[in-house]
Each structure stands twice: as structure tokens, then as C-alpha cells.
Amino acid sequence: MKIRTHSFILIAIIVLLAVLPLIFVSGDFGGADDAAEGLIQTLAPSYVPWFSSLFELPSETESLLFALQAAIGAGFIGYAIGVFKGRASRDKDV
């Protein structure tokens, strides 16, 4: 199998893995904090949180920070893979 065909198949699989859950999974994509808060209120209705946030960020800002964190992590992983791949090809040529 040619490298180009192999790459195309891998990209198609990645796209399917990203798109299929969005199509077939329905429901609320709430965060883990909201789910935990709901469960605590169900189990112990008289519970009072002992700490609250100093300020609330808008949901868009939280999403932006999360996306920024993911982008920085992906950049770091891509850089590391590139460095190791470059070292391996350089050592193979020598």
C-alpha cells in the first residue's frame, strides 16, 4: 500500500472518529462539575458548599482557555515528534 493511500485512510478514520459521535450521540454535553453538583444535591440536599469562586468567567472565555490549552499541548507533542523524527533520520544518514 502506498504511503499516500495509507495517509488518506488514516485521515478518513480520524475525521470519522470526530464526526460520528456528534451525529449519533444526543444529549447534554454538560461538564463534570455540573454532574457532580447535581449528584451531591440529590444525595445530600442540605449540603452547603464551603467555597465559591471569587469570580465567574463567561463560558466563552472558559472555552477559549480550554482550546488554548489543547492547542499548546498539541503543538508541544508535534514539536517533540518532529525533533525525534529529525534525530532518527539524521542518525540514519550518518
N, C-alpha and C. Protein backbone atom coordinates (compact mmCIF):
# COMPACT_ATOMS: atom_id res chain seq x y z
N MET A 1 0.85 -1.18 0.00
CA MET A 1 0.00 0.00 0.00
C MET A 1 0.89 1.24 0.00
N LYS A 2 0.57 2.16 -0.87
CA LYS A 2 1.37 3.37 -0.98
C LYS A 2 1.17 4.24 0.25
N ILE A 3 2.15 5.06 0.54
CA ILE A 3 2.10 5.94 1.70
C ILE A 3 0.96 6.94 1.56
N ARG A 4 0.73 7.42 0.35
CA ARG A 4 -0.35 8.38 0.12
C ARG A 4 -1.72 7.77 0.43
N THR A 5 -1.93 6.54 -0.01
CA THR A 5 -3.19 5.85 0.27
C THR A 5 -3.34 5.59 1.76
N HIS A 6 -2.25 5.17 2.37
CA HIS A 6 -2.26 4.90 3.80
C HIS A 6 -2.59 6.17 4.59
N SER A 7 -2.00 7.29 4.21
CA SER A 7 -2.27 8.56 4.88
C SER A 7 -3.72 8.99 4.70
N PHE A 8 -4.25 8.80 3.48
CA PHE A 8 -5.64 9.15 3.22
C PHE A 8 -6.58 8.32 4.09
N ILE A 9 -6.31 7.04 4.24
CA ILE A 9 -7.15 6.18 5.06
C ILE A 9 -7.09 6.62 6.52
N LEU A 10 -5.91 6.95 7.02
CA LEU A 10 -5.78 7.40 8.40
C LEU A 10 -6.52 8.72 8.64
N ILE A 11 -6.43 9.63 7.70
CA ILE A 11 -7.13 10.91 7.84
C ILE A 11 -8.64 10.68 7.82
N ALA A 12 -9.12 9.79 6.96
CA ALA A 12 -10.55 9.49 6.90
C ALA A 12 -11.03 8.89 8.21
N ILE A 13 -10.23 8.01 8.80
CA ILE A 13 -10.60 7.40 10.09
C ILE A 13 -10.66 8.47 11.18
N ILE A 14 -9.71 9.38 11.19
CA ILE A 14 -9.69 10.45 12.19
C ILE A 14 -10.92 11.34 12.05
N VAL A 15 -11.26 11.68 10.82
CA VAL A 15 -12.45 12.52 10.59
C VAL A 15 -13.70 11.77 11.05
N LEU A 16 -13.81 10.50 10.74
CA LEU A 16 -14.96 9.72 11.18
C LEU A 16 -15.05 9.65 12.71
N LEU A 17 -13.91 9.48 13.36
CA LEU A 17 -13.90 9.44 14.83
C LEU A 17 -14.34 10.77 15.43
N ALA A 18 -14.09 11.85 14.75
CA ALA A 18 -14.51 13.17 15.26
C ALA A 18 -15.96 13.46 14.93
N VAL A 19 -16.47 13.02 13.78
CA VAL A 19 -17.80 13.40 13.33
C VAL A 19 -18.89 12.44 13.81
N LEU A 20 -18.62 11.15 13.81
CA LEU A 20 -19.66 10.17 14.17
C LEU A 20 -20.25 10.38 15.56
N PRO A 21 -19.46 10.64 16.60
CA PRO A 21 -20.09 10.89 17.90
C PRO A 21 -21.00 12.11 17.90
N LEU A 22 -20.66 13.13 17.13
CA LEU A 22 -21.51 14.32 17.07
C LEU A 22 -22.85 14.01 16.40
N ILE A 23 -22.86 13.05 15.49
CA ILE A 23 -24.08 12.70 14.79
C ILE A 23 -24.95 11.76 15.62
N PHE A 24 -24.33 10.72 16.20
CA PHE A 24 -25.10 9.66 16.84
C PHE A 24 -25.33 9.83 18.33
N VAL A 25 -24.55 10.64 18.99
CA VAL A 25 -24.73 10.82 20.43
C VAL A 25 -25.55 12.08 20.65
N SER A 26 -26.69 11.89 21.27
CA SER A 26 -27.52 13.05 21.56
C SER A 26 -27.57 13.24 23.07
N GLY A 27 -27.79 14.44 23.47
CA GLY A 27 -27.87 14.71 24.90
C GLY A 27 -27.12 15.96 25.25
N ASP A 28 -27.12 16.22 26.53
CA ASP A 28 -26.48 17.42 27.03
C ASP A 28 -25.00 17.13 27.27
N PHE A 29 -24.15 17.97 26.74
CA PHE A 29 -22.72 17.82 26.95
C PHE A 29 -22.27 18.70 28.11
N GLY A 30 -22.91 18.53 29.26
CA GLY A 30 -22.55 19.31 30.44
C GLY A 30 -21.22 18.86 31.00
N GLY A 31 -20.64 19.70 31.79
CA GLY A 31 -19.34 19.39 32.37
C GLY A 31 -19.44 18.46 33.56
N ALA A 32 -18.31 17.96 33.98
CA ALA A 32 -18.26 17.05 35.13
C ALA A 32 -18.62 17.78 36.42
N ASP A 33 -18.29 19.06 36.50
CA ASP A 33 -18.63 19.82 37.70
C ASP A 33 -20.13 19.92 37.89
N ASP A 34 -20.85 20.16 36.81
CA ASP A 34 -22.31 20.24 36.89
C ASP A 34 -22.92 18.90 37.29
N ALA A 35 -22.38 17.82 36.73
CA ALA A 35 -22.90 16.50 37.07
C ALA A 35 -22.64 16.17 38.53
N ALA A 36 -21.46 16.51 39.03
CA ALA A 36 -21.14 16.24 40.43
C ALA A 36 -22.01 17.08 41.36
N GLU A 37 -22.24 18.33 41.00
CA GLU A 37 -23.09 19.18 41.82
C GLU A 37 -24.52 18.64 41.89
N GLY A 38 -25.02 18.17 40.77
CA GLY A 38 -26.36 17.59 40.76
C GLY A 38 -26.46 16.33 41.60
N LEU A 39 -25.44 15.50 41.54
CA LEU A 39 -25.42 14.26 42.32
C LEU A 39 -25.33 14.56 43.82
N ILE A 40 -24.51 15.54 44.19
CA ILE A 40 -24.39 15.91 45.60
C ILE A 40 -25.72 16.45 46.12
N GLN A 41 -26.39 17.29 45.32
CA GLN A 41 -27.69 17.82 45.74
C GLN A 41 -28.73 16.71 45.89
N THR A 42 -28.60 15.66 45.09
CA THR A 42 -29.53 14.53 45.19
C THR A 42 -29.25 13.71 46.45
N LEU A 43 -27.98 13.44 46.72
CA LEU A 43 -27.60 12.59 47.85
C LEU A 43 -27.72 13.31 49.19
N ALA A 44 -27.33 14.57 49.22
CA ALA A 44 -27.35 15.34 50.47
C ALA A 44 -27.93 16.72 50.20
N PRO A 45 -29.25 16.85 50.23
CA PRO A 45 -29.87 18.14 49.88
C PRO A 45 -29.50 19.29 50.82
N SER A 46 -29.10 18.97 52.04
CA SER A 46 -28.76 20.04 52.99
C SER A 46 -27.30 20.48 52.92
N TYR A 47 -26.53 19.88 52.03
CA TYR A 47 -25.11 20.22 51.91
C TYR A 47 -24.94 21.65 51.41
N VAL A 48 -24.05 22.39 52.06
CA VAL A 48 -23.72 23.75 51.65
C VAL A 48 -22.25 23.78 51.28
N PRO A 49 -21.92 24.20 50.05
CA PRO A 49 -20.50 24.26 49.65
C PRO A 49 -19.71 25.18 50.58
N TRP A 50 -18.50 24.81 50.89
CA TRP A 50 -17.68 25.60 51.81
C TRP A 50 -16.82 26.62 51.08
N PHE A 51 -16.84 26.60 49.76
CA PHE A 51 -16.04 27.54 48.98
C PHE A 51 -16.79 27.88 47.70
N SER A 52 -16.66 29.11 47.28
CA SER A 52 -17.21 29.51 45.99
C SER A 52 -16.15 30.31 45.25
N SER A 53 -16.29 30.36 43.94
CA SER A 53 -15.31 31.07 43.12
C SER A 53 -15.30 32.55 43.45
N LEU A 54 -14.13 33.16 43.33
CA LEU A 54 -14.01 34.59 43.56
C LEU A 54 -14.71 35.37 42.45
N PHE A 55 -14.63 34.86 41.23
CA PHE A 55 -15.33 35.46 40.10
C PHE A 55 -15.63 34.36 39.09
N GLU A 56 -16.67 34.56 38.34
CA GLU A 56 -17.08 33.60 37.32
C GLU A 56 -16.66 34.10 35.95
N LEU A 57 -15.96 33.25 35.21
CA LEU A 57 -15.62 33.59 33.84
C LEU A 57 -16.80 33.29 32.93
N PRO A 58 -16.98 34.07 31.90
CA PRO A 58 -18.03 33.72 30.92
C PRO A 58 -17.69 32.38 30.26
N SER A 59 -18.70 31.66 29.82
CA SER A 59 -18.47 30.34 29.25
C SER A 59 -17.59 30.42 28.00
N GLU A 60 -17.68 31.52 27.24
CA GLU A 60 -16.84 31.66 26.06
C GLU A 60 -15.37 31.74 26.44
N THR A 61 -15.07 32.42 27.55
CA THR A 61 -13.69 32.54 28.00
C THR A 61 -13.16 31.19 28.46
N GLU A 62 -13.99 30.44 29.16
CA GLU A 62 -13.57 29.11 29.59
C GLU A 62 -13.29 28.22 28.39
N SER A 63 -14.14 28.29 27.38
CA SER A 63 -13.94 27.50 26.17
C SER A 63 -12.66 27.93 25.46
N LEU A 64 -12.41 29.22 25.41
CA LEU A 64 -11.21 29.73 24.77
C LEU A 64 -9.96 29.24 25.50
N LEU A 65 -9.96 29.30 26.82
CA LEU A 65 -8.80 28.85 27.58
C LEU A 65 -8.58 27.34 27.42
N PHE A 66 -9.68 26.59 27.38
CA PHE A 66 -9.55 25.15 27.18
C PHE A 66 -8.98 24.85 25.79
N ALA A 67 -9.45 25.55 24.76
CA ALA A 67 -8.94 25.35 23.41
C ALA A 67 -7.48 25.77 23.31
N LEU A 68 -7.12 26.85 24.00
CA LEU A 68 -5.73 27.30 24.01
C LEU A 68 -4.83 26.26 24.66
N GLN A 69 -5.29 25.68 25.75
CA GLN A 69 -4.53 24.63 26.42
C GLN A 69 -4.35 23.43 25.50
N ALA A 70 -5.39 23.04 24.80
CA ALA A 70 -5.30 21.91 23.87
C ALA A 70 -4.34 22.22 22.72
N ALA A 71 -4.39 23.45 22.21
CA ALA A 71 -3.50 23.83 21.10
C ALA A 71 -2.04 23.83 21.54
N ILE A 72 -1.77 24.34 22.73
CA ILE A 72 -0.39 24.35 23.23
C ILE A 72 0.10 22.91 23.42
N GLY A 73 -0.74 22.06 23.97
CA GLY A 73 -0.36 20.65 24.15
C GLY A 73 -0.11 19.96 22.82
N ALA A 74 -0.98 20.20 21.84
CA ALA A 74 -0.78 19.59 20.52
C ALA A 74 0.48 20.11 19.86
N GLY A 75 0.76 21.41 20.02
CA GLY A 75 1.99 21.97 19.46
C GLY A 75 3.23 21.35 20.10
N PHE A 76 3.18 21.17 21.40
CA PHE A 76 4.32 20.56 22.09
C PHE A 76 4.53 19.12 21.63
N ILE A 77 3.46 18.37 21.52
CA ILE A 77 3.57 16.97 21.07
C ILE A 77 4.08 16.92 19.64
N GLY A 78 3.56 17.79 18.77
CA GLY A 78 4.04 17.82 17.38
C GLY A 78 5.51 18.20 17.29
N TYR A 79 5.92 19.17 18.10
CA TYR A 79 7.33 19.56 18.11
C TYR A 79 8.21 18.40 18.57
N ALA A 80 7.79 17.71 19.63
CA ALA A 80 8.58 16.59 20.14
C ALA A 80 8.68 15.47 19.11
N ILE A 81 7.59 15.17 18.44
CA ILE A 81 7.63 14.13 17.40
C ILE A 81 8.56 14.55 16.28
N GLY A 82 8.50 15.82 15.88
CA GLY A 82 9.39 16.32 14.84
C GLY A 82 10.86 16.24 15.23
N VAL A 83 11.15 16.59 16.47
CA VAL A 83 12.54 16.52 16.94
C VAL A 83 13.04 15.09 16.92
N PHE A 84 12.25 14.17 17.46
CA PHE A 84 12.68 12.76 17.49
C PHE A 84 12.79 12.17 16.09
N LYS A 85 11.86 12.53 15.21
CA LYS A 85 11.91 12.04 13.83
C LYS A 85 13.15 12.61 13.12
N GLY A 86 13.45 13.90 13.34
CA GLY A 86 14.63 14.51 12.73
C GLY A 86 15.91 13.88 13.22
N ARG A 87 15.97 13.59 14.51
CA ARG A 87 17.17 12.94 15.06
C ARG A 87 17.34 11.55 14.50
N ALA A 88 16.23 10.82 14.36
CA ALA A 88 16.31 9.46 13.83
C ALA A 88 16.77 9.46 12.38
N SER A 89 16.25 10.39 11.57
CA SER A 89 16.66 10.42 10.17
C SER A 89 18.09 10.93 10.02
N ARG A 90 18.51 11.85 10.88
CA ARG A 90 19.88 12.34 10.85
C ARG A 90 20.86 11.23 11.24
N ASP A 91 20.50 10.46 12.27
CA ASP A 91 21.37 9.37 12.71
C ASP A 91 21.40 8.25 11.67
N LYS A 92 20.32 8.06 10.93
CA LYS A 92 20.27 7.02 9.92
C LYS A 92 21.15 7.39 8.72
N ASP A 93 21.24 8.70 8.42
CA ASP A 93 22.05 9.16 7.30
C ASP A 93 23.54 9.08 7.61
N VAL A 94 23.91 9.18 8.86
CA VAL A 94 25.33 9.20 9.23
C VAL A 94 25.92 7.84 9.21
